[in-house]
C-alpha atoms as a PDB file:
ATOM      1  CA  MET A   1       0.000   0.000   0.000  1.00  0.00           C
ATOM      2  CA  ALA A   2       1.134   3.525  -0.749  1.00  0.00           C
ATOM      3  CA  THR A   3       0.993   6.255   1.892  1.00  0.00           C
ATOM      4  CA  PHE A   4      -0.529   9.666   1.194  1.00  0.00           C
ATOM      5  CA  VAL A   5      -0.764  12.905   3.167  1.00  0.00           C
ATOM      6  CA  SER A   6      -3.586  15.288   2.359  1.00  0.00           C
ATOM      7  CA  THR A   7      -3.930  18.784   3.734  1.00  0.00           C
ATOM      8  CA  ILE A   8      -7.452  20.144   3.960  1.00  0.00           C
ATOM      9  CA  LYS A   9      -8.929  23.623   4.060  1.00  0.00           C
ATOM     10  CA  PHE A  10     -12.551  24.276   4.904  1.00  0.00           C
ATOM     11  CA  THR A  11     -14.688  25.863   2.221  1.00  0.00           C
ATOM     12  CA  ASP A  12     -17.285  28.473   3.189  1.00  0.00           C
ATOM     13  CA  GLN A  13     -19.799  25.613   3.307  1.00  0.00           C
ATOM     14  CA  GLY A  14     -17.462  23.627   5.547  1.00  0.00           C
ATOM     15  CA  LEU A  15     -17.035  26.526   7.943  1.00  0.00           C
ATOM     16  CA  ALA A  16     -20.804  27.108   8.086  1.00  0.00           C
ATOM     17  CA  ALA A  17     -21.245  23.451   9.097  1.00  0.00           C
ATOM     18  CA  VAL A  18     -18.057  23.103  11.159  1.00  0.00           C
ATOM     19  CA  LYS A  19     -19.923  21.616  14.121  1.00  0.00           C
ATOM     20  CA  ASP A  20     -20.492  18.485  11.991  1.00  0.00           C
ATOM     21  CA  THR A  21     -16.835  18.067  11.016  1.00  0.00           C
ATOM     22  CA  CYS A  22     -16.185  15.083  13.328  1.00  0.00           C
ATOM     23  CA  GLN A  23     -19.272  13.301  12.018  1.00  0.00           C
ATOM     24  CA  ARG A  24     -18.181  13.942   8.423  1.00  0.00           C
ATOM     25  CA  ALA A  25     -14.688  12.639   9.251  1.00  0.00           C
ATOM     26  CA  LYS A  26     -16.185   9.401  10.577  1.00  0.00           C
ATOM     27  CA  SER A  27     -18.286   9.066   7.419  1.00  0.00           C
ATOM     28  CA  PHE A  28     -15.157   9.660   5.324  1.00  0.00           C
ATOM     29  CA  GLU A  29     -13.317   6.881   7.179  1.00  0.00           C
ATOM     30  CA  THR A  30     -16.200   4.484   6.530  1.00  0.00           C
ATOM     31  CA  SER A  31     -16.295   5.271   2.811  1.00  0.00           C
ATOM     32  CA  ALA A  32     -12.497   4.958   2.630  1.00  0.00           C
ATOM     33  CA  GLN A  33     -12.624   1.477   4.169  1.00  0.00           C
ATOM     34  CA  ARG A  34     -15.155   0.408   1.526  1.00  0.00           C
ATOM     35  CA  VAL A  35     -12.616   1.074  -1.238  1.00  0.00           C
ATOM     36  CA  GLY A  36      -9.680  -0.537   0.564  1.00  0.00           C
ATOM     37  CA  VAL A  37      -8.125   2.603   2.041  1.00  0.00           C
ATOM     38  CA  ASP A  38      -6.757   2.616   5.581  1.00  0.00           C
ATOM     39  CA  VAL A  39      -7.123   6.058   7.160  1.00  0.00           C
ATOM     40  CA  ARG A  40      -4.219   6.218   9.597  1.00  0.00           C
ATOM     41  CA  ASP A  41      -5.123   9.589  11.100  1.00  0.00           C
ATOM     42  CA  ILE A  42      -7.345  12.619  10.695  1.00  0.00           C
ATOM     43  CA  LEU A  43      -6.056  15.686  12.491  1.00  0.00           C
ATOM     44  CA  TRP A  44      -7.496  19.184  12.813  1.00  0.00           C
ATOM     45  CA  THR A  45      -4.772  21.823  12.763  1.00  0.00           C
ATOM     46  CA  LEU A  46      -4.066  25.491  13.371  1.00  0.00           C
ATOM     47  CA  GLY A  47      -2.188  27.524  10.791  1.00  0.00           C
ATOM     48  CA  PRO A  48      -2.454  27.621   7.010  1.00  0.00           C
ATOM     49  CA  PHE A  49      -4.421  24.352   6.832  1.00  0.00           C
ATOM     50  CA  ASP A  50      -7.479  23.270   8.791  1.00  0.00           C
ATOM     51  CA  GLY A  51      -6.531  19.621   8.891  1.00  0.00           C
ATOM     52  CA  VAL A  52      -4.396  16.735   7.706  1.00  0.00           C
ATOM     53  CA  ILE A  53      -5.365  13.235   6.635  1.00  0.00           C
ATOM     54  CA  VAL A  54      -2.779  10.440   6.543  1.00  0.00           C
ATOM     55  CA  PHE A  55      -3.900   7.316   4.711  1.00  0.00           C
ATOM     56  CA  ASP A  56      -2.689   4.195   2.924  1.00  0.00           C
ATOM     57  CA  ALA A  57      -4.257   3.324  -0.423  1.00  0.00           C
ATOM     58  CA  PRO A  58      -3.657   0.398  -2.762  1.00  0.00           C
ATOM     59  CA  ASP A  59      -2.722   2.749  -5.627  1.00  0.00           C
ATOM     60  CA  GLU A  60      -2.744   6.364  -6.783  1.00  0.00           C
ATOM     61  CA  GLU A  61      -5.995   5.967  -8.693  1.00  0.00           C
ATOM     62  CA  THR A  62      -7.848   4.871  -5.559  1.00  0.00           C
ATOM     63  CA  ALA A  63      -6.323   7.725  -3.557  1.00  0.00           C
ATOM     64  CA  THR A  64      -7.279  10.233  -6.256  1.00  0.00           C
ATOM     65  CA  ALA A  65     -10.866   8.983  -6.478  1.00  0.00           C
ATOM     66  CA  LEU A  66     -11.221   9.115  -2.694  1.00  0.00           C
ATOM     67  CA  MET A  67      -9.941  12.699  -2.456  1.00  0.00           C
ATOM     68  CA  LEU A  68     -12.123  13.794  -5.384  1.00  0.00           C
ATOM     69  CA  ARG A  69     -15.142  12.258  -3.656  1.00  0.00           C
ATOM     70  CA  LEU A  70     -14.255  14.103  -0.440  1.00  0.00           C
ATOM     71  CA  SER A  71     -13.769  17.451  -2.182  1.00  0.00           C
ATOM     72  CA  SER A  72     -16.890  17.090  -4.318  1.00  0.00           C
ATOM     73  CA  ALA A  73     -19.040  17.129  -1.175  1.00  0.00           C
ATOM     74  CA  GLY A  74     -18.164  20.821  -0.935  1.00  0.00           C
ATOM     75  CA  TYR A  75     -16.918  21.052   2.654  1.00  0.00           C
ATOM     76  CA  VAL A  76     -13.148  21.002   2.041  1.00  0.00           C
ATOM     77  CA  HIS A  77     -10.440  21.558  -0.541  1.00  0.00           C
ATOM     78  CA  THR A  78      -7.580  19.060  -0.496  1.00  0.00           C
ATOM     79  CA  GLN A  79      -3.939  18.897  -1.541  1.00  0.00           C
ATOM     80  CA  THR A  80      -2.572  15.391  -1.567  1.00  0.00           C
ATOM     81  CA  SER A  81       1.015  14.160  -1.757  1.00  0.00           C
ATOM     82  CA  ARG A  82       2.528  10.700  -1.956  1.00  0.00           C
ATOM     83  CA  ALA A  83       4.632  10.009   1.155  1.00  0.00           C
ATOM     84  CA  TYR A  84       7.505   7.540   1.569  1.00  0.00           C
ATOM     85  CA  ARG A  85       8.728   5.699   4.639  1.00  0.00           C
ATOM     86  CA  ALA A  86      12.490   5.355   5.222  1.00  0.00           C
ATOM     87  CA  GLU A  87      12.679   1.865   3.719  1.00  0.00           C
ATOM     88  CA  GLU A  88      10.850   3.017   0.589  1.00  0.00           C
ATOM     89  CA  MET A  89      13.162   6.015   0.293  1.00  0.00           C
ATOM     90  CA  LYS A  90      16.228   3.776   0.616  1.00  0.00           C
ATOM     91  CA  THR A  91      14.939   1.702  -2.314  1.00  0.00           C
ATOM     92  CA  ILE A  92      14.351   4.853  -4.368  1.00  0.00           C
ATOM     93  CA  LEU A  93      17.796   6.197  -3.545  1.00  0.00           C
ATOM     94  CA  GLY A  94      19.296   2.833  -4.501  1.00  0.00           C
ATOM     95  CA  THR A  95      18.105   3.324  -8.075  1.00  0.00           C
ATOM     96  CA  MET A  96      20.074   6.566  -8.487  1.00  0.00           C
ATOM     97  CA  SER A  97      23.183   6.389 -10.646  1.00  0.00           C
END
């Protein structure tokens, strides 16, 4: 499984319904499990982003579809990056000439 980190920012709609954010996060986790994604953590943050999601997905297509589904609900905007653990990075670095 590949690991991904997604930063989230509330939309105006998300801020108007912020009291439901924990319920929506739980719903997101349930829908993620249905497509084989393991949500490792959902964190609400201070600063330039309102939250962070760390998850493992079987492939980039599944991760992309999941984040598009989340964003299309209208409560958040996302920015998602592929993340690598040390062992994965060592393998990548081993391919450098």
